[in-house]
Amino acid sequence: MPIEIPTENWPGEVVEVTLGATADMGGTRSKVVKVGGAKTLPFLQYEAKTPNLPVIALEIKDSKPDGWSPILLEEFGDVMNDPGTWAKAAEDMGVDLIQLSLSLKDEDGNPNTADKAVAATMAVLENSSLPLIVFGTGQTE
């Protein structure tokens, strides 16, 4: 006897977003990643169209984080000391895109500056060709 899976009809749709731009699009990334566009909840493709498969983004920081799991610190090691090197290691791991999180304070506890944020972002862009998401500090200053 076949089992009938109940389905729901969701009237909404998740907006599709394209991250990154290749050279022919005027950008510098090696590929683009499309997310969203689904008309159902994740992993329920049998209910409605899901045009884009899930992707994996790896979060890196602009400086070595405090309070992270010893397992992560051991896995990434010294690459965490430089956001550009960390981005290259993330790309080598096979992730789809990188998320750079900017810190409110630097390693010495001083307020982070716009120049340091720009330098970290440029280091990531120069060392990895993956699409990049940048999260700010959440502070208007």
Protein backbone atom coordinates (compact mmCIF):
# COMPACT_ATOMS: atom_id res chain seq x y z
CA MET A 1 0.00 0.00 0.00
CA PRO A 2 1.57 3.33 -1.02
CA ILE A 3 2.02 6.05 1.56
CA GLU A 4 0.66 9.42 0.57
CA ILE A 5 2.79 12.33 1.80
CA PRO A 6 0.66 15.31 2.82
CA THR A 7 1.70 18.54 1.12
CA GLU A 8 0.92 22.16 1.78
CA ASN A 9 0.55 24.93 -0.74
CA TRP A 10 2.51 27.99 0.38
CA PRO A 11 1.39 31.11 -1.49
CA GLY A 12 4.69 32.96 -0.98
CA GLU A 13 8.06 32.74 -2.66
CA VAL A 14 11.55 33.34 -1.33
CA VAL A 15 13.30 36.07 -3.31
CA GLU A 16 16.12 34.74 -5.47
CA VAL A 17 19.46 36.50 -4.92
CA THR A 18 22.60 36.21 -7.03
CA LEU A 19 25.85 36.55 -5.08
CA GLY A 20 29.09 37.36 -6.86
CA ALA A 21 29.80 38.47 -10.40
CA THR A 22 32.17 36.89 -12.91
CA ALA A 23 34.41 38.86 -15.31
CA ASP A 24 31.84 38.73 -18.12
CA MET A 25 29.37 40.32 -15.67
CA GLY A 26 31.83 43.06 -14.73
CA GLY A 27 32.99 41.40 -11.50
CA THR A 28 36.03 39.60 -10.13
CA ARG A 29 34.60 36.36 -8.77
CA SER A 30 35.16 32.93 -10.32
CA LYS A 31 31.49 31.98 -10.10
CA VAL A 32 28.09 33.19 -9.02
CA VAL A 33 25.90 31.56 -6.42
CA LYS A 34 22.13 31.83 -6.58
CA VAL A 35 20.10 31.35 -3.42
CA GLY A 36 16.39 31.53 -2.75
CA GLY A 37 13.59 31.30 -5.28
CA ALA A 38 11.83 28.47 -3.45
CA LYS A 39 8.07 28.20 -3.15
CA THR A 40 8.31 25.81 -0.20
CA LEU A 41 10.31 25.23 2.96
CA PRO A 42 13.88 23.89 2.63
CA PHE A 43 14.22 20.24 1.63
CA LEU A 44 10.54 19.89 0.72
CA GLN A 45 11.11 19.89 -3.05
CA TYR A 46 8.16 17.54 -3.53
CA GLU A 47 5.78 20.32 -2.46
CA ALA A 48 6.84 23.00 -4.93
CA LYS A 49 9.72 24.22 -7.06
CA THR A 50 13.12 24.72 -5.45
CA PRO A 51 15.26 26.15 -8.25
CA ASN A 52 18.50 26.50 -6.29
CA LEU A 53 20.18 23.82 -4.25
CA PRO A 54 21.40 24.66 -0.74
CA VAL A 55 24.93 26.09 -0.61
CA ILE A 56 27.62 26.16 2.05
CA ALA A 57 29.11 29.43 3.24
CA LEU A 58 32.02 29.53 5.65
CA GLU A 59 32.21 32.36 8.16
CA ILE A 60 35.61 33.92 8.66
CA LYS A 61 36.51 36.88 10.84
CA ASP A 62 38.72 39.90 10.28
CA SER A 63 40.85 38.74 13.22
CA LYS A 64 41.34 35.50 15.12
CA PRO A 65 38.19 34.98 17.19
CA ASP A 66 38.10 34.47 20.94
CA GLY A 67 35.86 31.87 22.46
CA TRP A 68 35.59 29.56 19.47
CA SER A 69 35.62 25.82 19.95
CA PRO A 70 39.12 24.34 20.41
CA ILE A 71 38.23 21.93 17.62
CA LEU A 72 37.75 24.80 15.16
CA LEU A 73 40.87 26.58 16.39
CA GLU A 74 42.86 23.41 15.86
CA GLU A 75 41.35 22.73 12.43
CA PHE A 76 42.07 26.20 11.05
CA GLY A 77 45.25 26.87 13.01
CA ASP A 78 47.42 29.81 11.96
CA VAL A 79 45.30 30.72 8.91
CA MET A 80 42.93 32.44 11.34
CA ASN A 81 45.58 35.11 11.96
CA ASP A 82 45.02 36.66 8.52
CA PRO A 83 41.62 37.00 6.81
CA GLY A 84 43.13 36.62 3.33
CA THR A 85 44.91 33.38 4.20
CA TRP A 86 41.79 32.15 5.98
CA ALA A 87 39.68 32.90 2.89
CA LYS A 88 42.08 30.94 0.68
CA ALA A 89 41.92 27.98 3.10
CA ALA A 90 38.12 28.16 3.02
CA GLU A 91 38.13 28.12 -0.77
CA ASP A 92 40.48 25.13 -0.76
CA MET A 93 37.99 23.31 1.51
CA GLY A 94 35.40 23.51 -1.28
CA VAL A 95 32.83 25.88 0.21
CA ASP A 96 30.51 27.76 -2.15
CA LEU A 97 30.95 31.26 -0.72
CA ILE A 98 32.59 33.14 2.13
CA GLN A 99 31.06 35.32 4.80
CA LEU A 100 33.46 37.85 6.33
CA SER A 101 32.33 39.11 9.74
CA LEU A 102 33.88 42.40 10.80
CA SER A 103 34.65 42.82 14.49
CA LEU A 104 33.74 45.77 16.66
CA LYS A 105 37.15 45.66 18.34
CA ASP A 106 40.62 44.62 17.15
CA GLU A 107 42.81 41.94 18.76
CA ASP A 108 44.02 44.42 21.41
CA GLY A 109 40.50 45.48 22.41
CA ASN A 110 40.67 48.83 20.63
CA PRO A 111 37.77 50.01 18.48
CA ASN A 112 38.07 48.71 14.94
CA THR A 113 38.52 51.30 12.20
CA ALA A 114 37.08 51.65 8.72
CA ASP A 115 40.61 51.33 7.30
CA LYS A 116 41.07 47.95 9.02
CA ALA A 117 37.67 46.78 7.78
CA VAL A 118 38.57 47.77 4.21
CA ALA A 119 41.98 46.08 4.50
CA ALA A 120 40.41 42.83 5.73
CA THR A 121 37.81 42.88 2.95
CA MET A 122 40.43 43.58 0.28
CA ALA A 123 42.64 40.76 1.63
CA VAL A 124 39.75 38.32 1.28
CA LEU A 125 38.91 39.54 -2.24
CA GLU A 126 42.55 39.25 -3.33
CA ASN A 127 43.08 35.75 -1.91
CA SER A 128 39.81 34.07 -2.86
CA SER A 129 37.71 34.20 -5.99
CA LEU A 130 34.54 32.97 -4.28
CA PRO A 131 31.48 35.20 -3.86
CA LEU A 132 31.73 37.22 -0.65
CA ILE A 133 29.18 38.32 1.93
CA VAL A 134 30.41 41.00 4.36
CA PHE A 135 28.73 41.41 7.75
CA GLY A 136 29.42 44.72 9.42
CA THR A 137 29.86 45.29 13.12
CA GLY A 138 26.29 46.46 13.60
CA GLN A 139 27.48 49.81 14.91
CA THR A 140 26.86 53.00 12.94
CA GLU A 141 30.11 54.49 14.19
